[in-house]
Amino acid sequence: MTERVSAGGLQVAKLLHDFVQEQALPGTGVEAASFWDGFGRIVSELMPINRALLQKRDEIQARMDEWCTAHRGQPLDMGAYKAFLTDIGYLVPEGETFAIGTGNVDAEIGQVAGPQLVVPVNNARYALNAANARWGSLYDAFYGTDVIAEDGGLEKGLTFNARRGAAVIARAAEFLDSAVPLTDGSHADVSQYQLVRFNDHVGLSATLSGDTKTGLVDPAQFVGYREDESGLTHVLLRNNGLHIELVIDPEHPVGKL
């Protein structure tokens, strides 16, 4: 039998109680008594509502099972089926356009569109892989998938296909033009990205063929950079809350392309 502890008007499994007391709460500034009292009130207020919703779900599921059993082997009449689902409350009329907000959650959950990977935090390798899962090579994605069709000499093959590589670079430039457009020209025509410093501000400039200078339509999309003694090595851009990193390495085989 599970050993339980009284807390906040609840009978809490001792294992959970000890975890909250000894591992979850320390360092948060939340007192144990305050946590359990608040949690107890939440359970007391929401549990009846939750039970009622689950009961309604069971009733709707039972009605759907009965309907499907009664119509087994018959051609699906979508109109009749939708009318039935509306009648039992499974489908409801579409309401007016509305917006919702999320508060008190990490940006990765409430604002940033990207994969959510749940891993045990005590497994360093899993946690590192999860943290890096949102970063991937656009070149690899274009080259290794059917985003670019394998015809007309653009097959992946067993060795590097320079024609496919050129198509990948062109497609990546098209993506940059749509996500982080330049005031003039295309990213495909950029021969060099460079920093522009004035006062305490650092901006991004791009040199096009013909030595023409240009910049981003929205300068605020430039959010970071890395450089070494040779010059600019990484450019960090942002669009719709997601980041794009340009890696500049003229000595790398891909960079030479």
C-alpha atoms as a PDB file:
ATOM      1  CA  MET A   1       0.000   0.000   0.000  1.00  0.00           C
ATOM      2  CA  THR A   2       1.284   3.467  -0.894  1.00  0.00           C
ATOM      3  CA  GLU A   3       2.399   5.432   2.147  1.00  0.00           C
ATOM      4  CA  ARG A   4       0.693   8.820   2.276  1.00  0.00           C
ATOM      5  CA  VAL A   5       1.251  12.150   4.016  1.00  0.00           C
ATOM      6  CA  SER A   6      -1.342  14.800   4.916  1.00  0.00           C
ATOM      7  CA  ALA A   7      -0.622  18.130   3.199  1.00  0.00           C
ATOM      8  CA  GLY A   8      -2.925  20.948   2.126  1.00  0.00           C
ATOM      9  CA  GLY A   9      -5.996  18.912   2.976  1.00  0.00           C
ATOM     10  CA  LEU A  10      -4.820  16.131   0.665  1.00  0.00           C
ATOM     11  CA  GLN A  11      -3.435  12.664   1.167  1.00  0.00           C
ATOM     12  CA  VAL A  12      -0.232  12.822  -0.861  1.00  0.00           C
ATOM     13  CA  ALA A  13       1.972   9.844  -1.722  1.00  0.00           C
ATOM     14  CA  LYS A  14       5.044  10.126   0.491  1.00  0.00           C
ATOM     15  CA  LEU A  15       7.351   9.659  -2.497  1.00  0.00           C
ATOM     16  CA  LEU A  16       5.797  12.678  -4.254  1.00  0.00           C
ATOM     17  CA  HIS A  17       5.680  14.680  -1.019  1.00  0.00           C
ATOM     18  CA  ASP A  18       9.371  14.083  -0.357  1.00  0.00           C
ATOM     19  CA  PHE A  19      10.313  14.998  -3.920  1.00  0.00           C
ATOM     20  CA  VAL A  20       8.458  18.317  -3.720  1.00  0.00           C
ATOM     21  CA  GLN A  21       9.827  19.138  -0.276  1.00  0.00           C
ATOM     22  CA  GLU A  22      13.426  18.110  -0.855  1.00  0.00           C
ATOM     23  CA  GLN A  23      14.061  18.664  -4.575  1.00  0.00           C
ATOM     24  CA  ALA A  24      11.397  20.752  -6.303  1.00  0.00           C
ATOM     25  CA  LEU A  25      10.851  23.610  -3.838  1.00  0.00           C
ATOM     26  CA  PRO A  26      14.334  24.414  -2.505  1.00  0.00           C
ATOM     27  CA  GLY A  27      15.699  27.504  -4.232  1.00  0.00           C
ATOM     28  CA  THR A  28      12.334  28.643  -5.618  1.00  0.00           C
ATOM     29  CA  GLY A  29      11.439  30.948  -2.735  1.00  0.00           C
ATOM     30  CA  VAL A  30       8.144  29.104  -2.259  1.00  0.00           C
ATOM     31  CA  GLU A  31       7.448  27.813   1.231  1.00  0.00           C
ATOM     32  CA  ALA A  32       6.291  24.214   1.491  1.00  0.00           C
ATOM     33  CA  ALA A  33       3.181  25.073   3.516  1.00  0.00           C
ATOM     34  CA  SER A  34       2.184  27.753   0.994  1.00  0.00           C
ATOM     35  CA  PHE A  35       2.669  25.357  -1.915  1.00  0.00           C
ATOM     36  CA  TRP A  36       0.585  22.564  -0.426  1.00  0.00           C
ATOM     37  CA  ASP A  37      -2.195  24.929   0.689  1.00  0.00           C
ATOM     38  CA  GLY A  38      -2.383  26.438  -2.790  1.00  0.00           C
ATOM     39  CA  PHE A  39      -2.247  23.058  -4.484  1.00  0.00           C
ATOM     40  CA  GLY A  40      -4.958  21.763  -2.179  1.00  0.00           C
ATOM     41  CA  ARG A  41      -7.251  24.663  -3.118  1.00  0.00           C
ATOM     42  CA  ILE A  42      -6.614  24.052  -6.818  1.00  0.00           C
ATOM     43  CA  VAL A  43      -7.495  20.376  -6.484  1.00  0.00           C
ATOM     44  CA  SER A  44     -10.596  21.167  -4.421  1.00  0.00           C
ATOM     45  CA  GLU A  45     -11.817  23.727  -6.957  1.00  0.00           C
ATOM     46  CA  LEU A  46     -10.980  21.973 -10.201  1.00  0.00           C
ATOM     47  CA  MET A  47     -11.408  18.278  -9.410  1.00  0.00           C
ATOM     48  CA  PRO A  48     -15.246  18.365  -9.568  1.00  0.00           C
ATOM     49  CA  ILE A  49     -15.053  20.220 -12.896  1.00  0.00           C
ATOM     50  CA  ASN A  50     -12.521  17.712 -14.195  1.00  0.00           C
ATOM     51  CA  ARG A  51     -14.700  14.771 -13.147  1.00  0.00           C
ATOM     52  CA  ALA A  52     -17.710  16.311 -14.899  1.00  0.00           C
ATOM     53  CA  LEU A  53     -15.733  16.842 -18.096  1.00  0.00           C
ATOM     54  CA  LEU A  54     -14.447  13.270 -18.047  1.00  0.00           C
ATOM     55  CA  GLN A  55     -17.993  12.016 -17.494  1.00  0.00           C
ATOM     56  CA  LYS A  56     -19.209  14.057 -20.467  1.00  0.00           C
ATOM     57  CA  ARG A  57     -16.356  12.673 -22.548  1.00  0.00           C
ATOM     58  CA  ASP A  58     -17.351   9.106 -21.644  1.00  0.00           C
ATOM     59  CA  GLU A  59     -20.985   9.818 -22.537  1.00  0.00           C
ATOM     60  CA  ILE A  60     -20.080  11.307 -25.923  1.00  0.00           C
ATOM     61  CA  GLN A  61     -17.722   8.405 -26.659  1.00  0.00           C
ATOM     62  CA  ALA A  62     -20.467   5.914 -25.799  1.00  0.00           C
ATOM     63  CA  ARG A  63     -22.899   7.678 -28.162  1.00  0.00           C
ATOM     64  CA  MET A  64     -20.298   7.625 -30.947  1.00  0.00           C
ATOM     65  CA  ASP A  65     -19.625   3.921 -30.373  1.00  0.00           C
ATOM     66  CA  GLU A  66     -23.358   3.191 -30.554  1.00  0.00           C
ATOM     67  CA  TRP A  67     -23.732   5.159 -33.803  1.00  0.00           C
ATOM     68  CA  CYS A  68     -20.768   3.444 -35.445  1.00  0.00           C
ATOM     69  CA  THR A  69     -22.024   0.019 -34.361  1.00  0.00           C
ATOM     70  CA  ALA A  70     -25.515   0.747 -35.705  1.00  0.00           C
ATOM     71  CA  HIS A  71     -24.105   1.859 -39.065  1.00  0.00           C
ATOM     72  CA  ARG A  72     -21.490  -0.867 -39.403  1.00  0.00           C
ATOM     73  CA  GLY A  73     -21.013  -2.001 -43.004  1.00  0.00           C
ATOM     74  CA  GLN A  74     -22.955   0.946 -44.447  1.00  0.00           C
ATOM     75  CA  PRO A  75     -21.490   3.618 -46.749  1.00  0.00           C
ATOM     76  CA  LEU A  76     -20.479   6.699 -44.793  1.00  0.00           C
ATOM     77  CA  ASP A  77     -22.995   9.528 -45.108  1.00  0.00           C
ATOM     78  CA  MET A  78     -20.773  12.431 -44.072  1.00  0.00           C
ATOM     79  CA  GLY A  79     -23.692  14.860 -43.822  1.00  0.00           C
ATOM     80  CA  ALA A  80     -25.622  12.581 -41.487  1.00  0.00           C
ATOM     81  CA  TYR A  81     -22.488  11.818 -39.464  1.00  0.00           C
ATOM     82  CA  LYS A  82     -21.671  15.508 -38.977  1.00  0.00           C
ATOM     83  CA  ALA A  83     -25.278  16.207 -37.998  1.00  0.00           C
ATOM     84  CA  PHE A  84     -25.074  13.418 -35.407  1.00  0.00           C
ATOM     85  CA  LEU A  85     -21.778  14.730 -33.996  1.00  0.00           C
ATOM     86  CA  THR A  86     -23.289  18.216 -33.756  1.00  0.00           C
ATOM     87  CA  ASP A  87     -26.400  16.860 -32.045  1.00  0.00           C
ATOM     88  CA  ILE A  88     -24.397  15.150 -29.286  1.00  0.00           C
ATOM     89  CA  GLY A  89     -22.183  18.192 -28.754  1.00  0.00           C
ATOM     90  CA  TYR A  90     -18.991  16.761 -30.230  1.00  0.00           C
ATOM     91  CA  LEU A  91     -18.985  19.391 -32.978  1.00  0.00           C
ATOM     92  CA  VAL A  92     -19.971  22.971 -32.195  1.00  0.00           C
ATOM     93  CA  PRO A  93     -20.518  25.979 -34.473  1.00  0.00           C
ATOM     94  CA  GLU A  94     -17.356  27.882 -35.301  1.00  0.00           C
ATOM     95  CA  GLY A  95     -17.181  31.029 -33.206  1.00  0.00           C
ATOM     96  CA  GLU A  96     -15.727  34.439 -33.903  1.00  0.00           C
ATOM     97  CA  THR A  97     -11.996  34.916 -34.332  1.00  0.00           C
ATOM     98  CA  PHE A  98     -10.266  35.240 -30.982  1.00  0.00           C
ATOM     99  CA  ALA A  99      -6.808  35.363 -29.479  1.00  0.00           C
ATOM    100  CA  ILE A 100      -5.418  33.790 -26.342  1.00  0.00           C
ATOM    101  CA  GLY A 101      -2.288  34.506 -24.383  1.00  0.00           C
ATOM    102  CA  THR A 102       0.060  32.346 -22.363  1.00  0.00           C
ATOM    103  CA  GLY A 103       1.633  33.633 -19.195  1.00  0.00           C
ATOM    104  CA  ASN A 104       4.175  32.334 -16.731  1.00  0.00           C
ATOM    105  CA  VAL A 105       5.638  29.769 -19.136  1.00  0.00           C
ATOM    106  CA  ASP A 106       9.044  29.568 -20.786  1.00  0.00           C
ATOM    107  CA  ALA A 107       9.347  31.258 -24.168  1.00  0.00           C
ATOM    108  CA  GLU A 108      10.188  27.862 -25.704  1.00  0.00           C
ATOM    109  CA  ILE A 109       6.686  26.681 -24.780  1.00  0.00           C
ATOM    110  CA  GLY A 110       4.566  29.792 -25.208  1.00  0.00           C
ATOM    111  CA  GLN A 111       6.194  31.756 -28.022  1.00  0.00           C
ATOM    112  CA  VAL A 112       8.804  29.861 -30.022  1.00  0.00           C
ATOM    113  CA  ALA A 113       7.611  27.482 -32.711  1.00  0.00           C
ATOM    114  CA  GLY A 114       9.815  24.405 -32.620  1.00  0.00           C
ATOM    115  CA  PRO A 115      10.004  20.754 -31.587  1.00  0.00           C
ATOM    116  CA  GLN A 116       9.340  20.010 -27.939  1.00  0.00           C
ATOM    117  CA  LEU A 117      11.451  17.086 -26.741  1.00  0.00           C
ATOM    118  CA  VAL A 118      10.820  15.627 -23.285  1.00  0.00           C
ATOM    119  CA  VAL A 119      13.900  13.902 -21.900  1.00  0.00           C
ATOM    120  CA  PRO A 120      15.225  12.903 -18.464  1.00  0.00           C
ATOM    121  CA  VAL A 121      17.272  15.888 -17.344  1.00  0.00           C
ATOM    122  CA  ASN A 122      19.660  13.636 -15.420  1.00  0.00           C
ATOM    123  CA  ASN A 123      20.830  12.076 -18.705  1.00  0.00           C
ATOM    124  CA  ALA A 124      23.313  14.636 -20.019  1.00  0.00           C
ATOM    125  CA  ARG A 125      23.480  13.188 -23.535  1.00  0.00           C
ATOM    126  CA  TYR A 126      19.706  13.173 -23.951  1.00  0.00           C
ATOM    127  CA  ALA A 127      19.391  16.696 -22.558  1.00  0.00           C
ATOM    128  CA  LEU A 128      22.123  18.005 -24.870  1.00  0.00           C
ATOM    129  CA  ASN A 129      20.537  16.372 -27.908  1.00  0.00           C
ATOM    130  CA  ALA A 130      17.170  17.893 -26.972  1.00  0.00           C
ATOM    131  CA  ALA A 131      18.676  21.359 -26.566  1.00  0.00           C
ATOM    132  CA  ASN A 132      20.346  21.069 -29.976  1.00  0.00           C
ATOM    133  CA  ALA A 133      17.338  19.535 -31.726  1.00  0.00           C
ATOM    134  CA  ARG A 134      16.089  22.918 -32.903  1.00  0.00           C
ATOM    135  CA  TRP A 135      19.311  23.616 -34.763  1.00  0.00           C
ATOM    136  CA  GLY A 136      19.942  21.913 -38.058  1.00  0.00           C
ATOM    137  CA  SER A 137      21.735  22.556 -41.328  1.00  0.00           C
ATOM    138  CA  LEU A 138      19.477  23.986 -44.015  1.00  0.00           C
ATOM    139  CA  TYR A 139      22.015  22.853 -46.604  1.00  0.00           C
ATOM    140  CA  ASP A 140      21.815  19.267 -45.299  1.00  0.00           C
ATOM    141  CA  ALA A 141      18.020  19.386 -45.269  1.00  0.00           C
ATOM    142  CA  PHE A 142      17.838  20.604 -48.864  1.00  0.00           C
ATOM    143  CA  TYR A 143      20.546  18.287 -50.168  1.00  0.00           C
ATOM    144  CA  GLY A 144      19.443  15.107 -48.409  1.00  0.00           C
ATOM    145  CA  THR A 145      15.675  15.259 -48.887  1.00  0.00           C
ATOM    146  CA  ASP A 146      13.236  15.508 -51.770  1.00  0.00           C
ATOM    147  CA  VAL A 147      12.704  19.241 -51.223  1.00  0.00           C
ATOM    148  CA  ILE A 148      14.867  19.466 -54.325  1.00  0.00           C
ATOM    149  CA  ALA A 149      13.819  16.850 -56.879  1.00  0.00           C
ATOM    150  CA  GLU A 150      16.409  14.305 -58.007  1.00  0.00           C
ATOM    151  CA  ASP A 151      16.091  14.811 -61.730  1.00  0.00           C
ATOM    152  CA  GLY A 152      17.832  16.737 -64.468  1.00  0.00           C
ATOM    153  CA  GLY A 153      21.258  15.861 -63.100  1.00  0.00           C
ATOM    154  CA  LEU A 154      20.393  16.788 -59.511  1.00  0.00           C
ATOM    155  CA  GLU A 155      20.539  13.257 -58.086  1.00  0.00           C
ATOM    156  CA  LYS A 156      22.141  12.832 -54.644  1.00  0.00           C
ATOM    157  CA  GLY A 157      24.214   9.859 -55.761  1.00  0.00           C
ATOM    158  CA  LEU A 158      26.971   8.203 -53.743  1.00  0.00           C
ATOM    159  CA  THR A 159      29.376  11.148 -53.954  1.00  0.00           C
ATOM    160  CA  PHE A 160      28.869  14.895 -53.761  1.00  0.00           C
ATOM    161  CA  ASN A 161      26.934  16.222 -56.742  1.00  0.00           C
ATOM    162  CA  ALA A 162      28.153  19.764 -57.450  1.00  0.00           C
ATOM    163  CA  ARG A 163      25.062  20.571 -59.534  1.00  0.00           C
ATOM    164  CA  ARG A 164      22.792  19.557 -56.676  1.00  0.00           C
ATOM    165  CA  GLY A 165      25.008  21.537 -54.308  1.00  0.00           C
ATOM    166  CA  ALA A 166      24.543  24.651 -56.446  1.00  0.00           C
ATOM    167  CA  ALA A 167      20.775  24.109 -56.418  1.00  0.00           C
ATOM    168  CA  VAL A 168      20.888  23.796 -52.627  1.00  0.00           C
ATOM    169  CA  ILE A 169      22.752  27.096 -52.274  1.00  0.00           C
ATOM    170  CA  ALA A 170      20.276  28.818 -54.593  1.00  0.00           C
ATOM    171  CA  ARG A 171      17.329  27.425 -52.623  1.00  0.00           C
ATOM    172  CA  ALA A 172      18.874  28.545 -49.331  1.00  0.00           C
ATOM    173  CA  ALA A 173      19.339  32.053 -50.748  1.00  0.00           C
ATOM    174  CA  GLU A 174      15.667  32.090 -51.749  1.00  0.00           C
ATOM    175  CA  PHE A 175      14.775  31.202 -48.169  1.00  0.00           C
ATOM    176  CA  LEU A 176      16.927  34.031 -46.816  1.00  0.00           C
ATOM    177  CA  ASP A 177      15.356  36.460 -49.289  1.00  0.00           C
ATOM    178  CA  SER A 178      11.906  35.572 -47.955  1.00  0.00           C
ATOM    179  CA  ALA A 179      12.796  35.433 -44.241  1.00  0.00           C
ATOM    180  CA  VAL A 180      15.438  38.168 -43.886  1.00  0.00           C
ATOM    181  CA  PRO A 181      15.286  40.191 -47.135  1.00  0.00           C
ATOM    182  CA  LEU A 182      17.868  42.750 -48.172  1.00  0.00           C
ATOM    183  CA  THR A 183      16.992  46.321 -49.061  1.00  0.00           C
ATOM    184  CA  ASP A 184      18.496  45.760 -52.512  1.00  0.00           C
ATOM    185  CA  GLY A 185      19.482  42.588 -54.316  1.00  0.00           C
ATOM    186  CA  SER A 186      19.486  38.990 -53.158  1.00  0.00           C
ATOM    187  CA  HIS A 187      21.469  36.989 -50.645  1.00  0.00           C
ATOM    188  CA  ALA A 188      22.508  34.884 -53.651  1.00  0.00           C
ATOM    189  CA  ASP A 189      24.538  37.849 -54.913  1.00  0.00           C
ATOM    190  CA  VAL A 190      26.279  38.647 -51.617  1.00  0.00           C
ATOM    191  CA  SER A 191      30.058  38.346 -51.793  1.00  0.00           C
ATOM    192  CA  GLN A 192      30.675  39.420 -48.215  1.00  0.00           C
ATOM    193  CA  TYR A 193      28.827  40.212 -44.999  1.00  0.00           C
ATOM    194  CA  GLN A 194      30.448  42.763 -42.728  1.00  0.00           C
ATOM    195  CA  LEU A 195      29.719  44.634 -39.513  1.00  0.00           C
ATOM    196  CA  VAL A 196      28.928  48.329 -39.452  1.00  0.00           C
ATOM    197  CA  ARG A 197      29.712  50.056 -36.166  1.00  0.00           C
ATOM    198  CA  PHE A 198      28.442  53.454 -35.091  1.00  0.00           C
ATOM    199  CA  ASN A 199      28.458  54.663 -31.502  1.00  0.00           C
ATOM    200  CA  ASP A 200      27.526  51.634 -29.389  1.00  0.00           C
ATOM    201  CA  HIS A 201      25.459  50.010 -32.123  1.00  0.00           C
ATOM    202  CA  VAL A 202      26.557  47.210 -34.441  1.00  0.00           C
ATOM    203  CA  GLY A 203      24.686  46.611 -37.683  1.00  0.00           C
ATOM    204  CA  LEU A 204      25.009  44.241 -40.629  1.00  0.00           C
ATOM    205  CA  SER A 205      25.991  45.241 -44.142  1.00  0.00           C
ATOM    206  CA  ALA A 206      26.268  43.099 -47.259  1.00  0.00           C
ATOM    207  CA  THR A 207      28.391  43.627 -50.347  1.00  0.00           C
ATOM    208  CA  LEU A 208      26.798  42.606 -53.639  1.00  0.00           C
ATOM    209  CA  SER A 209      28.437  41.958 -56.971  1.00  0.00           C
ATOM    210  CA  GLY A 210      29.719  45.239 -58.367  1.00  0.00           C
ATOM    211  CA  ASP A 211      30.784  46.281 -54.874  1.00  0.00           C
ATOM    212  CA  THR A 212      27.303  47.630 -54.081  1.00  0.00           C
ATOM    213  CA  LYS A 213      26.500  47.895 -50.371  1.00  0.00           C
ATOM    214  CA  THR A 214      23.125  46.979 -48.920  1.00  0.00           C
ATOM    215  CA  GLY A 215      21.546  45.946 -45.650  1.00  0.00           C
ATOM    216  CA  LEU A 216      18.522  44.225 -44.182  1.00  0.00           C
ATOM    217  CA  VAL A 217      15.055  45.601 -44.860  1.00  0.00           C
ATOM    218  CA  ASP A 218      14.506  45.228 -41.113  1.00  0.00           C
ATOM    219  CA  PRO A 219      17.834  45.920 -39.361  1.00  0.00           C
ATOM    220  CA  ALA A 220      16.365  44.569 -36.108  1.00  0.00           C
ATOM    221  CA  GLN A 221      16.517  41.066 -37.602  1.00  0.00           C
ATOM    222  CA  PHE A 222      20.286  41.122 -37.052  1.00  0.00           C
ATOM    223  CA  VAL A 223      20.652  39.983 -33.444  1.00  0.00           C
ATOM    224  CA  GLY A 224      24.184  38.658 -33.008  1.00  0.00           C
ATOM    225  CA  TYR A 225      27.543  37.724 -34.455  1.00  0.00           C
ATOM    226  CA  ARG A 226      30.885  36.046 -33.804  1.00  0.00           C
ATOM    227  CA  GLU A 227      34.224  37.082 -35.216  1.00  0.00           C
ATOM    228  CA  ASP A 228      37.880  36.171 -34.915  1.00  0.00           C
ATOM    229  CA  GLU A 229      41.132  37.631 -36.175  1.00  0.00           C
ATOM    230  CA  SER A 230      40.169  36.711 -39.741  1.00  0.00           C
ATOM    231  CA  GLY A 231      36.865  38.559 -39.586  1.00  0.00           C
ATOM    232  CA  LEU A 232      33.188  37.706 -39.307  1.00  0.00           C
ATOM    233  CA  THR A 233      32.545  33.978 -38.736  1.00  0.00           C
ATOM    234  CA  HIS A 234      28.890  33.764 -37.667  1.00  0.00           C
ATOM    235  CA  VAL A 235      25.854  35.978 -38.267  1.00  0.00           C
ATOM    236  CA  LEU A 236      22.711  35.449 -36.187  1.00  0.00           C
ATOM    237  CA  LEU A 237      19.402  36.586 -37.679  1.00  0.00           C
ATOM    238  CA  ARG A 238      15.858  36.300 -36.355  1.00  0.00           C
ATOM    239  CA  ASN A 239      12.497  35.945 -38.071  1.00  0.00           C
ATOM    240  CA  ASN A 240       9.172  35.263 -36.348  1.00  0.00           C
ATOM    241  CA  GLY A 241      10.994  34.483 -33.115  1.00  0.00           C
ATOM    242  CA  LEU A 242      13.189  31.812 -34.726  1.00  0.00           C
ATOM    243  CA  HIS A 243      16.897  32.201 -35.349  1.00  0.00           C
ATOM    244  CA  ILE A 244      18.969  31.676 -38.486  1.00  0.00           C
ATOM    245  CA  GLU A 245      22.733  31.350 -38.210  1.00  0.00           C
ATOM    246  CA  LEU A 246      24.972  32.055 -41.183  1.00  0.00           C
ATOM    247  CA  VAL A 247      28.294  30.235 -40.760  1.00  0.00           C
ATOM    248  CA  ILE A 248      31.085  31.904 -42.747  1.00  0.00           C
ATOM    249  CA  ASP A 249      34.108  29.701 -43.431  1.00  0.00           C
ATOM    250  CA  PRO A 250      35.772  30.301 -46.825  1.00  0.00           C
ATOM    251  CA  GLU A 251      38.263  27.490 -46.147  1.00  0.00           C
ATOM    252  CA  HIS A 252      35.597  24.814 -45.693  1.00  0.00           C
ATOM    253  CA  PRO A 253      34.680  22.805 -48.825  1.00  0.00           C
ATOM    254  CA  VAL A 254      31.060  23.935 -48.528  1.00  0.00           C
ATOM    255  CA  GLY A 255      32.080  27.513 -47.778  1.00  0.00           C
ATOM    256  CA  LYS A 256      34.143  27.610 -50.954  1.00  0.00           C
ATOM    257  CA  LEU A 257      31.050  26.920 -53.008  1.00  0.00           C
END
